[in-house]
């Protein structure tokens, strides 16, 4: 687990990080002290569920307001990268 964290040290956020690992061919999501590991299939299912929530429960004004807040605080930026 420490190796995954060390490989992802360049991600801009300490609160939320996500990356694809070519070694295990999985997607990893880290927040605080929790790391979730997803197969590609699981990640597609998660992405679809998140998209449904996003489309059904966020109106455009709310999205803009949240986006403005996120861009104002660099620590909340979600960055995706590939680790080999």
N, C-alpha and C. Protein backbone atom coordinates (compact mmCIF):
# COMPACT_ATOMS: atom_id res chain seq x y z
N UNK A 1 0.82 -1.19 0.00
CA UNK A 1 0.00 0.00 0.00
C UNK A 1 0.87 1.26 0.00
N UNK A 2 1.96 1.27 0.74
CA UNK A 2 2.83 2.44 0.74
C UNK A 2 3.44 2.68 -0.63
N UNK A 3 3.73 1.60 -1.38
CA UNK A 3 4.29 1.77 -2.72
C UNK A 3 3.32 2.51 -3.62
N UNK A 4 2.03 2.18 -3.54
CA UNK A 4 1.04 2.88 -4.36
C UNK A 4 0.98 4.34 -4.00
N UNK A 5 1.01 4.64 -2.71
CA UNK A 5 0.96 6.04 -2.27
C UNK A 5 2.21 6.77 -2.75
N UNK A 6 3.36 6.15 -2.62
CA UNK A 6 4.60 6.80 -3.02
C UNK A 6 4.63 7.05 -4.52
N UNK A 7 4.12 6.11 -5.32
CA UNK A 7 4.11 6.28 -6.76
C UNK A 7 3.19 7.42 -7.17
N UNK A 8 2.20 7.73 -6.36
CA UNK A 8 1.22 8.75 -6.69
C UNK A 8 1.51 10.07 -5.99
N UNK A 9 2.74 10.27 -5.56
CA UNK A 9 3.09 11.45 -4.77
C UNK A 9 2.96 12.76 -5.54
N UNK A 10 2.89 12.71 -6.87
CA UNK A 10 2.79 13.93 -7.67
C UNK A 10 1.36 14.42 -7.84
N UNK A 11 0.39 13.68 -7.36
CA UNK A 11 -1.00 14.12 -7.47
C UNK A 11 -1.18 15.38 -6.63
N UNK A 12 -1.96 16.36 -7.10
CA UNK A 12 -2.06 17.64 -6.41
C UNK A 12 -2.90 17.63 -5.15
N UNK A 13 -3.75 16.66 -4.97
CA UNK A 13 -4.64 16.67 -3.82
C UNK A 13 -4.21 15.64 -2.78
N UNK A 14 -4.19 16.04 -1.53
CA UNK A 14 -3.93 15.09 -0.46
C UNK A 14 -5.24 14.49 0.06
N UNK A 15 -6.37 15.08 -0.31
CA UNK A 15 -7.67 14.60 0.17
C UNK A 15 -8.29 13.57 -0.75
N UNK A 16 -8.09 13.69 -2.05
CA UNK A 16 -8.69 12.78 -3.00
C UNK A 16 -7.75 12.56 -4.16
N UNK A 17 -7.38 11.31 -4.38
CA UNK A 17 -6.48 10.97 -5.49
C UNK A 17 -7.06 9.78 -6.22
N UNK A 18 -6.87 9.75 -7.54
CA UNK A 18 -7.30 8.61 -8.34
C UNK A 18 -6.26 8.38 -9.43
N UNK A 19 -5.95 7.12 -9.67
CA UNK A 19 -4.96 6.80 -10.70
C UNK A 19 -5.18 5.40 -11.23
N UNK A 20 -4.66 5.18 -12.45
CA UNK A 20 -4.68 3.86 -13.09
C UNK A 20 -3.29 3.26 -12.93
N UNK A 21 -3.22 2.01 -12.51
CA UNK A 21 -1.94 1.32 -12.33
C UNK A 21 -1.80 0.26 -13.42
N UNK A 22 -0.77 0.40 -14.24
CA UNK A 22 -0.56 -0.56 -15.31
C UNK A 22 -0.06 -1.91 -14.78
N UNK A 23 0.58 -1.91 -13.60
CA UNK A 23 1.03 -3.17 -13.01
C UNK A 23 -0.13 -4.11 -12.72
N UNK A 24 -1.12 -3.62 -12.01
CA UNK A 24 -2.25 -4.47 -11.64
C UNK A 24 -3.45 -4.28 -12.56
N UNK A 25 -3.33 -3.32 -13.49
CA UNK A 25 -4.39 -3.01 -14.45
C UNK A 25 -5.69 -2.62 -13.74
N UNK A 26 -5.54 -1.87 -12.65
CA UNK A 26 -6.69 -1.43 -11.88
C UNK A 26 -6.66 0.05 -11.63
N UNK A 27 -7.79 0.55 -11.18
CA UNK A 27 -7.93 1.96 -10.82
C UNK A 27 -7.98 2.03 -9.30
N UNK A 28 -7.24 2.98 -8.75
CA UNK A 28 -7.18 3.15 -7.30
C UNK A 28 -7.68 4.54 -6.94
N UNK A 29 -8.50 4.60 -5.91
CA UNK A 29 -9.03 5.86 -5.41
C UNK A 29 -8.64 5.95 -3.94
N UNK A 30 -7.96 7.05 -3.58
CA UNK A 30 -7.50 7.22 -2.20
C UNK A 30 -8.10 8.50 -1.63
N UNK A 31 -8.64 8.39 -0.43
CA UNK A 31 -9.10 9.54 0.30
C UNK A 31 -8.75 9.33 1.77
N UNK A 32 -8.05 10.29 2.35
CA UNK A 32 -7.58 10.21 3.74
C UNK A 32 -6.89 8.87 3.97
N UNK A 33 -7.43 7.99 4.80
CA UNK A 33 -6.78 6.72 5.14
C UNK A 33 -7.39 5.52 4.43
N UNK A 34 -8.16 5.75 3.37
CA UNK A 34 -8.86 4.67 2.68
C UNK A 34 -8.40 4.62 1.22
N UNK A 35 -8.06 3.41 0.76
CA UNK A 35 -7.76 3.20 -0.65
C UNK A 35 -8.75 2.17 -1.17
N UNK A 36 -9.44 2.52 -2.24
CA UNK A 36 -10.35 1.60 -2.91
C UNK A 36 -9.71 1.16 -4.22
N UNK A 37 -9.76 -0.13 -4.49
CA UNK A 37 -9.19 -0.70 -5.69
C UNK A 37 -10.32 -1.22 -6.58
N UNK A 38 -10.29 -0.84 -7.87
CA UNK A 38 -11.34 -1.24 -8.80
C UNK A 38 -10.73 -1.94 -10.00
N UNK A 39 -11.37 -3.02 -10.42
CA UNK A 39 -11.03 -3.59 -11.72
C UNK A 39 -11.59 -2.62 -12.76
N UNK A 40 -11.22 -2.82 -14.02
CA UNK A 40 -11.76 -1.95 -15.07
C UNK A 40 -13.29 -2.05 -15.11
N UNK A 41 -13.82 -3.26 -14.98
CA UNK A 41 -15.28 -3.46 -15.00
C UNK A 41 -15.94 -2.72 -13.82
N UNK A 42 -15.37 -2.87 -12.64
CA UNK A 42 -15.92 -2.18 -11.47
C UNK A 42 -15.85 -0.66 -11.64
N UNK A 43 -14.75 -0.17 -12.24
CA UNK A 43 -14.60 1.26 -12.43
C UNK A 43 -15.64 1.79 -13.42
N UNK A 44 -15.93 1.02 -14.46
CA UNK A 44 -16.99 1.42 -15.41
C UNK A 44 -18.33 1.48 -14.69
N UNK A 45 -18.62 0.50 -13.85
CA UNK A 45 -19.88 0.49 -13.09
C UNK A 45 -19.95 1.69 -12.14
N UNK A 46 -18.84 1.98 -11.46
CA UNK A 46 -18.79 3.14 -10.57
C UNK A 46 -18.99 4.44 -11.35
N UNK A 47 -18.32 4.57 -12.49
CA UNK A 47 -18.43 5.77 -13.31
C UNK A 47 -19.87 5.97 -13.78
N UNK A 48 -20.52 4.91 -14.21
CA UNK A 48 -21.92 5.02 -14.64
C UNK A 48 -22.83 5.43 -13.49
N UNK A 49 -22.61 4.86 -12.31
CA UNK A 49 -23.42 5.23 -11.14
C UNK A 49 -23.19 6.69 -10.77
N UNK A 50 -21.93 7.14 -10.82
CA UNK A 50 -21.63 8.54 -10.50
C UNK A 50 -22.23 9.48 -11.53
N UNK A 51 -22.19 9.10 -12.80
CA UNK A 51 -22.78 9.93 -13.85
C UNK A 51 -24.29 10.05 -13.66
N UNK A 52 -24.95 8.94 -13.31
CA UNK A 52 -26.39 8.98 -13.05
C UNK A 52 -26.71 9.94 -11.91
N UNK A 53 -25.95 9.87 -10.83
CA UNK A 53 -26.16 10.78 -9.69
C UNK A 53 -25.92 12.22 -10.12
N UNK A 54 -24.85 12.45 -10.85
CA UNK A 54 -24.51 13.79 -11.33
C UNK A 54 -25.63 14.36 -12.19
N UNK A 55 -26.12 13.57 -13.13
CA UNK A 55 -27.16 14.04 -14.05
C UNK A 55 -28.51 14.23 -13.35
N UNK A 56 -28.82 13.37 -12.39
CA UNK A 56 -30.14 13.40 -11.76
C UNK A 56 -30.26 14.34 -10.57
N UNK A 57 -29.14 14.70 -9.95
CA UNK A 57 -29.22 15.42 -8.68
C UNK A 57 -28.45 16.73 -8.61
N UNK A 58 -27.85 17.16 -9.73
CA UNK A 58 -27.13 18.42 -9.75
C UNK A 58 -27.67 19.29 -10.87
N UNK A 59 -28.11 20.49 -10.53
CA UNK A 59 -28.57 21.39 -11.59
C UNK A 59 -27.38 22.24 -12.06
N UNK A 60 -27.46 22.80 -13.27
CA UNK A 60 -26.32 23.53 -13.85
C UNK A 60 -25.79 24.66 -12.97
N UNK A 61 -26.65 25.40 -12.30
CA UNK A 61 -26.17 26.48 -11.43
C UNK A 61 -25.38 25.93 -10.25
N UNK A 62 -25.85 24.84 -9.70
CA UNK A 62 -25.14 24.22 -8.58
C UNK A 62 -23.77 23.69 -9.05
N UNK A 63 -23.72 23.10 -10.23
CA UNK A 63 -22.46 22.60 -10.77
C UNK A 63 -21.46 23.74 -10.94
N UNK A 64 -21.92 24.85 -11.49
CA UNK A 64 -21.03 26.02 -11.65
C UNK A 64 -20.53 26.53 -10.32
N UNK A 65 -21.41 26.60 -9.33
CA UNK A 65 -21.03 27.09 -8.01
C UNK A 65 -19.99 26.16 -7.38
N UNK A 66 -20.20 24.87 -7.48
CA UNK A 66 -19.25 23.91 -6.92
C UNK A 66 -17.92 23.99 -7.67
N UNK A 67 -17.97 24.08 -8.99
CA UNK A 67 -16.75 24.17 -9.79
C UNK A 67 -15.94 25.40 -9.42
N UNK A 68 -16.61 26.51 -9.17
CA UNK A 68 -15.91 27.73 -8.76
C UNK A 68 -15.22 27.54 -7.42
N UNK A 69 -15.90 26.86 -6.48
CA UNK A 69 -15.30 26.62 -5.17
C UNK A 69 -14.10 25.70 -5.28
N UNK A 70 -14.20 24.67 -6.11
CA UNK A 70 -13.10 23.72 -6.27
C UNK A 70 -11.89 24.39 -6.90
N UNK A 71 -12.11 25.20 -7.93
CA UNK A 71 -10.98 25.84 -8.58
C UNK A 71 -10.29 26.86 -7.68
N UNK A 72 -11.00 27.35 -6.67
CA UNK A 72 -10.41 28.33 -5.75
C UNK A 72 -9.50 27.66 -4.72
N UNK A 73 -9.66 26.35 -4.52
CA UNK A 73 -8.83 25.63 -3.55
C UNK A 73 -8.11 24.50 -4.27
N UNK A 74 -6.84 24.66 -4.50
CA UNK A 74 -6.08 23.68 -5.28
C UNK A 74 -6.01 22.31 -4.63
N UNK A 75 -6.20 22.22 -3.31
CA UNK A 75 -6.10 20.94 -2.62
C UNK A 75 -7.28 20.02 -2.94
N UNK A 76 -8.37 20.57 -3.47
CA UNK A 76 -9.54 19.76 -3.77
C UNK A 76 -9.59 19.28 -5.21
N UNK A 77 -8.52 19.48 -5.95
CA UNK A 77 -8.50 19.10 -7.35
C UNK A 77 -8.29 17.60 -7.46
N UNK A 78 -9.07 16.99 -8.33
CA UNK A 78 -8.94 15.55 -8.58
C UNK A 78 -8.08 15.36 -9.82
N UNK A 79 -6.98 14.65 -9.69
CA UNK A 79 -6.07 14.44 -10.81
C UNK A 79 -5.96 12.96 -11.10
N UNK A 80 -6.03 12.61 -12.35
CA UNK A 80 -5.90 11.23 -12.76
C UNK A 80 -4.59 11.07 -13.52
N UNK A 81 -3.91 9.97 -13.28
CA UNK A 81 -2.67 9.70 -13.98
C UNK A 81 -2.47 8.19 -14.06
N UNK A 82 -1.58 7.77 -14.91
CA UNK A 82 -1.26 6.36 -15.06
C UNK A 82 0.08 6.09 -14.38
N UNK A 83 0.10 5.05 -13.55
CA UNK A 83 1.32 4.63 -12.88
C UNK A 83 1.77 3.33 -13.55
N UNK A 84 3.03 3.28 -13.95
CA UNK A 84 3.50 2.03 -14.58
C UNK A 84 4.46 1.31 -13.68
